[in-house]
Amino acid sequence: MPIVFLFKHFQATSDYENNPQKMKQQTFTRRIKPLLEAKGYVYSKKNLAPLTYWNSSDEKLLEKYDINYKYRVKVDITKYQPLFEKPQDNQNETD
């Protein structure tokens, strides 16, 4: 999950719930990192790109909550960017 998407989704839902936040993306990342890592996600700052693992239909979630059209984002699936990945169970297996 690209951080830029998670952050824009956070901003959009905060506004939607009439609770706008002044939090910057760096602070958001620092706060969400331990929460997602506890659920098995791994943070990568610039070593990965979403590629085929990104589902562009997730961007429609922003349309649902971004009623003021302020937080729309198009994720570039080929760009190396900060993101969280959930490793497959068989990724670490060796033969």
PDB file of N, CA and C in Angstrom:
ATOM      1  N   MET A   1       0.843  -1.161   0.000  1.00  0.00           N
ATOM      2  CA  MET A   1       0.000   0.000   0.000  1.00  0.00           C
ATOM      3  C   MET A   1       0.896   1.234   0.000  1.00  0.00           C
ATOM      4  N   PRO A   2       0.801   2.046  -1.011  1.00  0.00           N
ATOM      5  CA  PRO A   2       1.618   3.263  -1.056  1.00  0.00           C
ATOM      6  C   PRO A   2       1.213   4.250   0.049  1.00  0.00           C
ATOM      7  N   ILE A   3       2.212   4.826   0.684  1.00  0.00           N
ATOM      8  CA  ILE A   3       1.971   5.794   1.755  1.00  0.00           C
ATOM      9  C   ILE A   3       1.156   6.984   1.250  1.00  0.00           C
ATOM     10  N   VAL A   4       1.436   7.438   0.043  1.00  0.00           N
ATOM     11  CA  VAL A   4       0.715   8.599  -0.473  1.00  0.00           C
ATOM     12  C   VAL A   4      -0.785   8.320  -0.508  1.00  0.00           C
ATOM     13  N   PHE A   5      -1.176   7.114  -0.894  1.00  0.00           N
ATOM     14  CA  PHE A   5      -2.591   6.761  -0.913  1.00  0.00           C
ATOM     15  C   PHE A   5      -3.162   6.701   0.502  1.00  0.00           C
ATOM     16  N   LEU A   6      -2.447   6.035   1.407  1.00  0.00           N
ATOM     17  CA  LEU A   6      -2.932   5.934   2.785  1.00  0.00           C
ATOM     18  C   LEU A   6      -3.120   7.310   3.413  1.00  0.00           C
ATOM     19  N   PHE A   7      -2.166   8.207   3.162  1.00  0.00           N
ATOM     20  CA  PHE A   7      -2.241   9.547   3.734  1.00  0.00           C
ATOM     21  C   PHE A   7      -3.412  10.338   3.152  1.00  0.00           C
ATOM     22  N   LYS A   8      -3.581  10.277   1.839  1.00  0.00           N
ATOM     23  CA  LYS A   8      -4.700  10.998   1.205  1.00  0.00           C
ATOM     24  C   LYS A   8      -6.036  10.424   1.666  1.00  0.00           C
ATOM     25  N   HIS A   9      -6.099   9.109   1.849  1.00  0.00           N
ATOM     26  CA  HIS A   9      -7.329   8.486   2.354  1.00  0.00           C
ATOM     27  C   HIS A   9      -7.617   8.961   3.782  1.00  0.00           C
ATOM     28  N   PHE A  10      -6.575   9.037   4.602  1.00  0.00           N
ATOM     29  CA  PHE A  10      -6.715   9.549   5.967  1.00  0.00           C
ATOM     30  C   PHE A  10      -7.250  10.979   5.958  1.00  0.00           C
ATOM     31  N   GLN A  11      -6.672  11.835   5.108  1.00  0.00           N
ATOM     32  CA  GLN A  11      -7.128  13.222   5.036  1.00  0.00           C
ATOM     33  C   GLN A  11      -8.583  13.315   4.575  1.00  0.00           C
ATOM     34  N   ALA A  12      -8.921  12.542   3.558  1.00  0.00           N
ATOM     35  CA  ALA A  12     -10.279  12.584   3.013  1.00  0.00           C
ATOM     36  C   ALA A  12     -11.309  12.117   4.035  1.00  0.00           C
ATOM     37  N   THR A  13     -11.015  11.016   4.729  1.00  0.00           N
ATOM     38  CA  THR A  13     -11.985  10.524   5.720  1.00  0.00           C
ATOM     39  C   THR A  13     -12.066  11.468   6.920  1.00  0.00           C
ATOM     40  N   SER A  14     -10.975  12.108   7.271  1.00  0.00           N
ATOM     41  CA  SER A  14     -11.008  13.086   8.363  1.00  0.00           C
ATOM     42  C   SER A  14     -11.918  14.257   8.001  1.00  0.00           C
ATOM     43  N   ASP A  15     -11.786  14.762   6.789  1.00  0.00           N
ATOM     44  CA  ASP A  15     -12.662  15.854   6.346  1.00  0.00           C
ATOM     45  C   ASP A  15     -14.107  15.395   6.255  1.00  0.00           C
ATOM     46  N   TYR A  16     -14.326  14.189   5.733  1.00  0.00           N
ATOM     47  CA  TYR A  16     -15.667  13.630   5.567  1.00  0.00           C
ATOM     48  C   TYR A  16     -16.382  13.541   6.912  1.00  0.00           C
ATOM     49  N   GLU A  17     -15.627  13.189   7.944  1.00  0.00           N
ATOM     50  CA  GLU A  17     -16.187  13.068   9.284  1.00  0.00           C
ATOM     51  C   GLU A  17     -16.164  14.397  10.039  1.00  0.00           C
ATOM     52  N   ASN A  18     -15.900  15.476   9.314  1.00  0.00           N
ATOM     53  CA  ASN A  18     -15.869  16.825   9.870  1.00  0.00           C
ATOM     54  C   ASN A  18     -14.853  16.946  11.006  1.00  0.00           C
ATOM     55  N   ASN A  19     -13.705  16.323  10.800  1.00  0.00           N
ATOM     56  CA  ASN A  19     -12.625  16.365  11.778  1.00  0.00           C
ATOM     57  C   ASN A  19     -11.298  16.549  11.040  1.00  0.00           C
ATOM     58  N   PRO A  20     -11.157  17.658  10.283  1.00  0.00           N
ATOM     59  CA  PRO A  20      -9.938  17.844   9.489  1.00  0.00           C
ATOM     60  C   PRO A  20      -8.679  17.845  10.363  1.00  0.00           C
ATOM     61  N   GLN A  21      -7.629  17.276   9.807  1.00  0.00           N
ATOM     62  CA  GLN A  21      -6.360  17.167  10.518  1.00  0.00           C
ATOM     63  C   GLN A  21      -5.302  18.032   9.842  1.00  0.00           C
ATOM     64  N   LYS A  22      -4.407  18.564  10.641  1.00  0.00           N
ATOM     65  CA  LYS A  22      -3.286  19.365  10.123  1.00  0.00           C
ATOM     66  C   LYS A  22      -2.012  18.527  10.031  1.00  0.00           C
ATOM     67  N   MET A  23      -2.139  17.233  10.264  1.00  0.00           N
ATOM     68  CA  MET A  23      -0.983  16.348  10.286  1.00  0.00           C
ATOM     69  C   MET A  23      -0.303  16.304   8.919  1.00  0.00           C
ATOM     70  N   LYS A  24       1.022  16.314   8.925  1.00  0.00           N
ATOM     71  CA  LYS A  24       1.815  16.187   7.704  1.00  0.00           C
ATOM     72  C   LYS A  24       2.053  14.704   7.415  1.00  0.00           C
ATOM     73  N   GLN A  25       2.437  14.405   6.175  1.00  0.00           N
ATOM     74  CA  GLN A  25       2.624  13.013   5.775  1.00  0.00           C
ATOM     75  C   GLN A  25       3.721  12.332   6.583  1.00  0.00           C
ATOM     76  N   GLN A  26       4.772  13.035   6.915  1.00  0.00           N
ATOM     77  CA  GLN A  26       5.868  12.443   7.693  1.00  0.00           C
ATOM     78  C   GLN A  26       5.376  11.989   9.075  1.00  0.00           C
ATOM     79  N   THR A  27       4.585  12.827   9.729  1.00  0.00           N
ATOM     80  CA  THR A  27       4.031  12.478  11.039  1.00  0.00           C
ATOM     81  C   THR A  27       3.073  11.299  10.908  1.00  0.00           C
ATOM     82  N   PHE A  28       2.227  11.331   9.882  1.00  0.00           N
ATOM     83  CA  PHE A  28       1.293  10.237   9.630  1.00  0.00           C
ATOM     84  C   PHE A  28       2.050   8.915   9.473  1.00  0.00           C
ATOM     85  N   THR A  29       3.109   8.933   8.674  1.00  0.00           N
ATOM     86  CA  THR A  29       3.898   7.720   8.438  1.00  0.00           C
ATOM     87  C   THR A  29       4.519   7.218   9.736  1.00  0.00           C
ATOM     88  N   ARG A  30       5.071   8.127  10.511  1.00  0.00           N
ATOM     89  CA  ARG A  30       5.704   7.748  11.780  1.00  0.00           C
ATOM     90  C   ARG A  30       4.678   7.117  12.733  1.00  0.00           C
ATOM     91  N   ARG A  31       3.444   7.609  12.707  1.00  0.00           N
ATOM     92  CA  ARG A  31       2.423   7.082  13.619  1.00  0.00           C
ATOM     93  C   ARG A  31       1.793   5.770  13.136  1.00  0.00           C
ATOM     94  N   ILE A  32       1.638   5.626  11.827  1.00  0.00           N
ATOM     95  CA  ILE A  32       0.979   4.422  11.322  1.00  0.00           C
ATOM     96  C   ILE A  32       1.936   3.240  11.211  1.00  0.00           C
ATOM     97  N   LYS A  33       3.218   3.524  11.107  1.00  0.00           N
ATOM     98  CA  LYS A  33       4.217   2.469  10.918  1.00  0.00           C
ATOM     99  C   LYS A  33       4.141   1.373  11.989  1.00  0.00           C
ATOM    100  N   PRO A  34       4.165   1.695  13.284  1.00  0.00           N
ATOM    101  CA  PRO A  34       4.106   0.616  14.283  1.00  0.00           C
ATOM    102  C   PRO A  34       2.769  -0.140  14.257  1.00  0.00           C
ATOM    103  N   LEU A  35       1.697   0.540  13.888  1.00  0.00           N
ATOM    104  CA  LEU A  35       0.392  -0.123  13.832  1.00  0.00           C
ATOM    105  C   LEU A  35       0.347  -1.173  12.726  1.00  0.00           C
ATOM    106  N   LEU A  36       0.844  -0.803  11.538  1.00  0.00           N
ATOM    107  CA  LEU A  36       0.828  -1.753  10.428  1.00  0.00           C
ATOM    108  C   LEU A  36       1.877  -2.848  10.589  1.00  0.00           C
ATOM    109  N   GLU A  37       3.022  -2.509  11.161  1.00  0.00           N
ATOM    110  CA  GLU A  37       4.045  -3.528  11.395  1.00  0.00           C
ATOM    111  C   GLU A  37       3.541  -4.588  12.379  1.00  0.00           C
ATOM    112  N   ALA A  38       2.724  -4.171  13.339  1.00  0.00           N
ATOM    113  CA  ALA A  38       2.144  -5.123  14.288  1.00  0.00           C
ATOM    114  C   ALA A  38       1.178  -6.078  13.592  1.00  0.00           C
ATOM    115  N   LYS A  39       0.661  -5.681  12.443  1.00  0.00           N
ATOM    116  CA  LYS A  39      -0.251  -6.529  11.669  1.00  0.00           C
ATOM    117  C   LYS A  39       0.470  -7.312  10.576  1.00  0.00           C
ATOM    118  N   GLY A  40       1.808  -7.272  10.581  1.00  0.00           N
ATOM    119  CA  GLY A  40       2.582  -8.087   9.660  1.00  0.00           C
ATOM    120  C   GLY A  40       3.062  -7.373   8.406  1.00  0.00           C
ATOM    121  N   TYR A  41       2.824  -6.073   8.301  1.00  0.00           N
ATOM    122  CA  TYR A  41       3.292  -5.320   7.138  1.00  0.00           C
ATOM    123  C   TYR A  41       4.737  -4.880   7.358  1.00  0.00           C
ATOM    124  N   VAL A  42       5.455  -4.716   6.257  1.00  0.00           N
ATOM    125  CA  VAL A  42       6.840  -4.271   6.292  1.00  0.00           C
ATOM    126  C   VAL A  42       6.919  -2.938   5.559  1.00  0.00           C
ATOM    127  N   TYR A  43       7.595  -1.961   6.165  1.00  0.00           N
ATOM    128  CA  TYR A  43       7.744  -0.638   5.564  1.00  0.00           C
ATOM    129  C   TYR A  43       8.982  -0.604   4.681  1.00  0.00           C
ATOM    130  N   SER A  44       8.832  -0.049   3.494  1.00  0.00           N
ATOM    131  CA  SER A  44       9.955   0.140   2.583  1.00  0.00           C
ATOM    132  C   SER A  44       9.933   1.588   2.127  1.00  0.00           C
ATOM    133  N   LYS A  45      11.034   2.301   2.356  1.00  0.00           N
ATOM    134  CA  LYS A  45      11.040   3.729   2.047  1.00  0.00           C
ATOM    135  C   LYS A  45      11.124   4.019   0.555  1.00  0.00           C
ATOM    136  N   LYS A  46      12.058   3.408  -0.155  1.00  0.00           N
ATOM    137  CA  LYS A  46      12.182   3.694  -1.587  1.00  0.00           C
ATOM    138  C   LYS A  46      12.693   2.495  -2.394  1.00  0.00           C
ATOM    139  N   ASN A  47      12.527   1.298  -1.866  1.00  0.00           N
ATOM    140  CA  ASN A  47      13.081   0.125  -2.536  1.00  0.00           C
ATOM    141  C   ASN A  47      12.069  -0.664  -3.348  1.00  0.00           C
ATOM    142  N   LEU A  48      10.793  -0.291  -3.287  1.00  0.00           N
ATOM    143  CA  LEU A  48       9.765  -1.072  -3.963  1.00  0.00           C
ATOM    144  C   LEU A  48       8.825  -0.177  -4.759  1.00  0.00           C
ATOM    145  N   ALA A  49       8.184  -0.780  -5.753  1.00  0.00           N
ATOM    146  CA  ALA A  49       7.126  -0.128  -6.525  1.00  0.00           C
ATOM    147  C   ALA A  49       5.894  -1.022  -6.425  1.00  0.00           C
ATOM    148  N   PRO A  50       4.705  -0.457  -6.446  1.00  0.00           N
ATOM    149  CA  PRO A  50       3.491  -1.266  -6.294  1.00  0.00           C
ATOM    150  C   PRO A  50       3.274  -2.309  -7.400  1.00  0.00           C
ATOM    151  N   LEU A  51       3.617  -1.970  -8.650  1.00  0.00           N
ATOM    152  CA  LEU A  51       3.477  -2.855  -9.799  1.00  0.00           C
ATOM    153  C   LEU A  51       2.098  -3.519  -9.828  1.00  0.00           C
ATOM    154  N   THR A  52       2.053  -4.820 -10.022  1.00  0.00           N
ATOM    155  CA  THR A  52       0.760  -5.505 -10.179  1.00  0.00           C
ATOM    156  C   THR A  52       0.041  -5.724  -8.857  1.00  0.00           C
ATOM    157  N   TYR A  53       0.707  -5.427  -7.745  1.00  0.00           N
ATOM    158  CA  TYR A  53       0.068  -5.622  -6.446  1.00  0.00           C
ATOM    159  C   TYR A  53      -0.906  -4.501  -6.098  1.00  0.00           C
ATOM    160  N   TRP A  54      -0.848  -3.405  -6.816  1.00  0.00           N
ATOM    161  CA  TRP A  54      -1.757  -2.290  -6.555  1.00  0.00           C
ATOM    162  C   TRP A  54      -3.057  -2.500  -7.322  1.00  0.00           C
ATOM    163  N   ASN A  55      -4.165  -2.360  -6.641  1.00  0.00           N
ATOM    164  CA  ASN A  55      -5.479  -2.469  -7.254  1.00  0.00           C
ATOM    165  C   ASN A  55      -6.016  -1.060  -7.460  1.00  0.00           C
ATOM    166  N   SER A  56      -6.058  -0.607  -8.700  1.00  0.00           N
ATOM    167  CA  SER A  56      -6.447   0.780  -8.972  1.00  0.00           C
ATOM    168  C   SER A  56      -7.880   1.069  -8.544  1.00  0.00           C
ATOM    169  N   SER A  57      -8.686   0.048  -8.357  1.00  0.00           N
ATOM    170  CA  SER A  57     -10.056   0.293  -7.883  1.00  0.00           C
ATOM    171  C   SER A  57     -10.060   0.835  -6.454  1.00  0.00           C
ATOM    172  N   ASP A  58      -8.941   0.648  -5.733  1.00  0.00           N
ATOM    173  CA  ASP A  58      -8.845   1.219  -4.387  1.00  0.00           C
ATOM    174  C   ASP A  58      -8.894   2.743  -4.422  1.00  0.00           C
ATOM    175  N   GLU A  59      -8.460   3.318  -5.538  1.00  0.00           N
ATOM    176  CA  GLU A  59      -8.503   4.774  -5.664  1.00  0.00           C
ATOM    177  C   GLU A  59      -9.945   5.293  -5.620  1.00  0.00           C
ATOM    178  N   LYS A  60     -10.897   4.442  -5.926  1.00  0.00           N
ATOM    179  CA  LYS A  60     -12.308   4.834  -5.856  1.00  0.00           C
ATOM    180  C   LYS A  60     -12.738   5.087  -4.413  1.00  0.00           C
ATOM    181  N   LEU A  61     -12.009   4.514  -3.460  1.00  0.00           N
ATOM    182  CA  LEU A  61     -12.301   4.791  -2.050  1.00  0.00           C
ATOM    183  C   LEU A  61     -12.153   6.277  -1.756  1.00  0.00           C
ATOM    184  N   LEU A  62     -11.174   6.905  -2.413  1.00  0.00           N
ATOM    185  CA  LEU A  62     -10.994   8.340  -2.205  1.00  0.00           C
ATOM    186  C   LEU A  62     -12.196   9.113  -2.739  1.00  0.00           C
ATOM    187  N   GLU A  63     -12.743   8.672  -3.866  1.00  0.00           N
ATOM    188  CA  GLU A  63     -13.895   9.360  -4.438  1.00  0.00           C
ATOM    189  C   GLU A  63     -15.075   9.338  -3.476  1.00  0.00           C
ATOM    190  N   LYS A  64     -15.219   8.258  -2.734  1.00  0.00           N
ATOM    191  CA  LYS A  64     -16.326   8.127  -1.787  1.00  0.00           C
ATOM    192  C   LYS A  64     -16.230   9.157  -0.655  1.00  0.00           C
ATOM    193  N   TYR A  65     -15.031   9.353  -0.145  1.00  0.00           N
ATOM    194  CA  TYR A  65     -14.851  10.224   1.018  1.00  0.00           C
ATOM    195  C   TYR A  65     -14.350  11.624   0.682  1.00  0.00           C
ATOM    196  N   ASP A  66     -13.751  11.796  -0.466  1.00  0.00           N
ATOM    197  CA  ASP A  66     -13.192  13.094  -0.845  1.00  0.00           C
ATOM    198  C   ASP A  66     -14.278  13.953  -1.496  1.00  0.00           C
ATOM    199  N   ILE A  67     -15.193  14.438  -0.674  1.00  0.00           N
ATOM    200  CA  ILE A  67     -16.357  15.171  -1.197  1.00  0.00           C
ATOM    201  C   ILE A  67     -15.992  16.565  -1.703  1.00  0.00           C
ATOM    202  N   ASN A  68     -14.827  17.069  -1.328  1.00  0.00           N
ATOM    203  CA  ASN A  68     -14.397  18.397  -1.777  1.00  0.00           C
ATOM    204  C   ASN A  68     -13.340  18.333  -2.876  1.00  0.00           C
ATOM    205  N   TYR A  69     -13.055  17.140  -3.384  1.00  0.00           N
ATOM    206  CA  TYR A  69     -12.092  16.932  -4.474  1.00  0.00           C
ATOM    207  C   TYR A  69     -10.705  17.501  -4.161  1.00  0.00           C
ATOM    208  N   LYS A  70     -10.265  17.360  -2.918  1.00  0.00           N
ATOM    209  CA  LYS A  70      -8.973  17.904  -2.512  1.00  0.00           C
ATOM    210  C   LYS A  70      -7.871  16.859  -2.434  1.00  0.00           C
ATOM    211  N   TYR A  71      -8.236  15.587  -2.350  1.00  0.00           N
ATOM    212  CA  TYR A  71      -7.240  14.567  -2.011  1.00  0.00           C
ATOM    213  C   TYR A  71      -7.103  13.471  -3.054  1.00  0.00           C
ATOM    214  N   ARG A  72      -7.538  13.700  -4.257  1.00  0.00           N
ATOM    215  CA  ARG A  72      -7.432  12.671  -5.296  1.00  0.00           C
ATOM    216  C   ARG A  72      -5.961  12.435  -5.626  1.00  0.00           C
ATOM    217  N   VAL A  73      -5.630  11.185  -5.841  1.00  0.00           N
ATOM    218  CA  VAL A  73      -4.250  10.833  -6.177  1.00  0.00           C
ATOM    219  C   VAL A  73      -4.272   9.664  -7.147  1.00  0.00           C
ATOM    220  N   LYS A  74      -3.377   9.703  -8.096  1.00  0.00           N
ATOM    221  CA  LYS A  74      -3.203   8.607  -9.040  1.00  0.00           C
ATOM    222  C   LYS A  74      -1.868   7.951  -8.692  1.00  0.00           C
ATOM    223  N   VAL A  75      -1.907   6.699  -8.270  1.00  0.00           N
ATOM    224  CA  VAL A  75      -0.693   5.989  -7.859  1.00  0.00           C
ATOM    225  C   VAL A  75       0.060   5.528  -9.101  1.00  0.00           C
ATOM    226  N   ASP A  76       1.316   5.939  -9.199  1.00  0.00           N
ATOM    227  CA  ASP A  76       2.190   5.499 -10.293  1.00  0.00           C
ATOM    228  C   ASP A  76       2.764   4.145  -9.894  1.00  0.00           C
ATOM    229  N   ILE A  77       2.253   3.082 -10.514  1.00  0.00           N
ATOM    230  CA  ILE A  77       2.634   1.732 -10.080  1.00  0.00           C
ATOM    231  C   ILE A  77       4.055   1.347 -10.454  1.00  0.00           C
ATOM    232  N   THR A  78       4.699   2.123 -11.327  1.00  0.00           N
ATOM    233  CA  THR A  78       6.069   1.793 -11.732  1.00  0.00           C
ATOM    234  C   THR A  78       7.124   2.564 -10.942  1.00  0.00           C
ATOM    235  N   LYS A  79       6.691   3.546 -10.164  1.00  0.00           N
ATOM    236  CA  LYS A  79       7.616   4.403  -9.424  1.00  0.00           C
ATOM    237  C   LYS A  79       7.987   3.770  -8.072  1.00  0.00           C
ATOM    238  N   TYR A  80       9.281   3.777  -7.767  1.00  0.00           N
ATOM    239  CA  TYR A  80       9.727   3.363  -6.443  1.00  0.00           C
ATOM    240  C   TYR A  80       9.289   4.441  -5.459  1.00  0.00           C
ATOM    241  N   GLN A  81       8.623   4.019  -4.386  1.00  0.00           N
ATOM    242  CA  GLN A  81       8.048   4.976  -3.457  1.00  0.00           C
ATOM    243  C   GLN A  81       7.871   4.334  -2.085  1.00  0.00           C
ATOM    244  N   PRO A  82       7.699   5.154  -1.061  1.00  0.00           N
ATOM    245  CA  PRO A  82       7.456   4.599   0.272  1.00  0.00           C
ATOM    246  C   PRO A  82       6.141   3.822   0.280  1.00  0.00           C
ATOM    247  N   LEU A  83       6.189   2.613   0.822  1.00  0.00           N
ATOM    248  CA  LEU A  83       4.972   1.811   0.884  1.00  0.00           C
ATOM    249  C   LEU A  83       5.086   0.740   1.952  1.00  0.00           C
ATOM    250  N   PHE A  84       3.948   0.157   2.259  1.00  0.00           N
ATOM    251  CA  PHE A  84       3.885  -0.993   3.148  1.00  0.00           C
ATOM    252  C   PHE A  84       3.545  -2.205   2.310  1.00  0.00           C
ATOM    253  N   GLU A  85       4.236  -3.309   2.562  1.00  0.00           N
ATOM    254  CA  GLU A  85       3.906  -4.558   1.882  1.00  0.00           C
ATOM    255  C   GLU A  85       3.638  -5.616   2.932  1.00  0.00           C
ATOM    256  N   LYS A  86       2.788  -6.548   2.565  1.00  0.00           N
ATOM    257  CA  LYS A  86       2.541  -7.680   3.443  1.00  0.00           C
ATOM    258  C   LYS A  86       3.166  -8.894   2.777  1.00  0.00           C
ATOM    259  N   PRO A  87       4.306  -9.353   3.309  1.00  0.00           N
ATOM    260  CA  PRO A  87       5.006 -10.477   2.681  1.00  0.00           C
ATOM    261  C   PRO A  87       4.129 -11.732   2.651  1.00  0.00           C
ATOM    262  N   GLN A  88       4.260 -12.473   1.561  1.00  0.00           N
ATOM    263  CA  GLN A  88       3.581 -13.767   1.458  1.00  0.00           C
ATOM    264  C   GLN A  88       4.263 -14.729   2.416  1.00  0.00           C
ATOM    265  N   ASP A  89       3.518 -15.690   2.919  1.00  0.00           N
ATOM    266  CA  ASP A  89       4.086 -16.674   3.835  1.00  0.00           C
ATOM    267  C   ASP A  89       5.215 -17.467   3.201  1.00  0.00           C
ATOM    268  N   ASN A  90       5.115 -17.707   1.888  1.00  0.00           N
ATOM    269  CA  ASN A  90       6.120 -18.541   1.224  1.00  0.00           C
ATOM    270  C   ASN A  90       7.292 -17.750   0.673  1.00  0.00           C
ATOM    271  N   GLN A  91       7.343 -16.430   0.871  1.00  0.00           N
ATOM    272  CA  GLN A  91       8.453 -15.621   0.359  1.00  0.00           C
ATOM    273  C   GLN A  91       9.763 -15.946   1.039  1.00  0.00           C
ATOM    274  N   ASN A  92       9.716 -16.267   2.301  1.00  0.00           N
ATOM    275  CA  ASN A  92      10.937 -16.473   3.069  1.00  0.00           C
ATOM    276  C   ASN A  92      11.369 -17.940   3.106  1.00  0.00           C
ATOM    277  N   GLU A  93      10.619 -18.816   2.450  1.00  0.00           N
ATOM    278  CA  GLU A  93      10.978 -20.233   2.466  1.00  0.00           C
ATOM    279  C   GLU A  93      12.156 -20.493   1.539  1.00  0.00           C
ATOM    280  N   THR A  94      13.011 -21.371   1.939  1.00  0.00           N
ATOM    281  CA  THR A  94      14.135 -21.769   1.079  1.00  0.00           C
ATOM    282  C   THR A  94      14.003 -23.251   0.784  1.00  0.00           C
ATOM    283  N   ASP A  95      14.507 -23.664  -0.372  1.00  0.00           N
ATOM    284  CA  ASP A  95      14.428 -25.071  -0.765  1.00  0.00           C
ATOM    285  C   ASP A  95      15.576 -25.868  -0.175  1.00  0.00           C
TER     286      ASP A  95
END
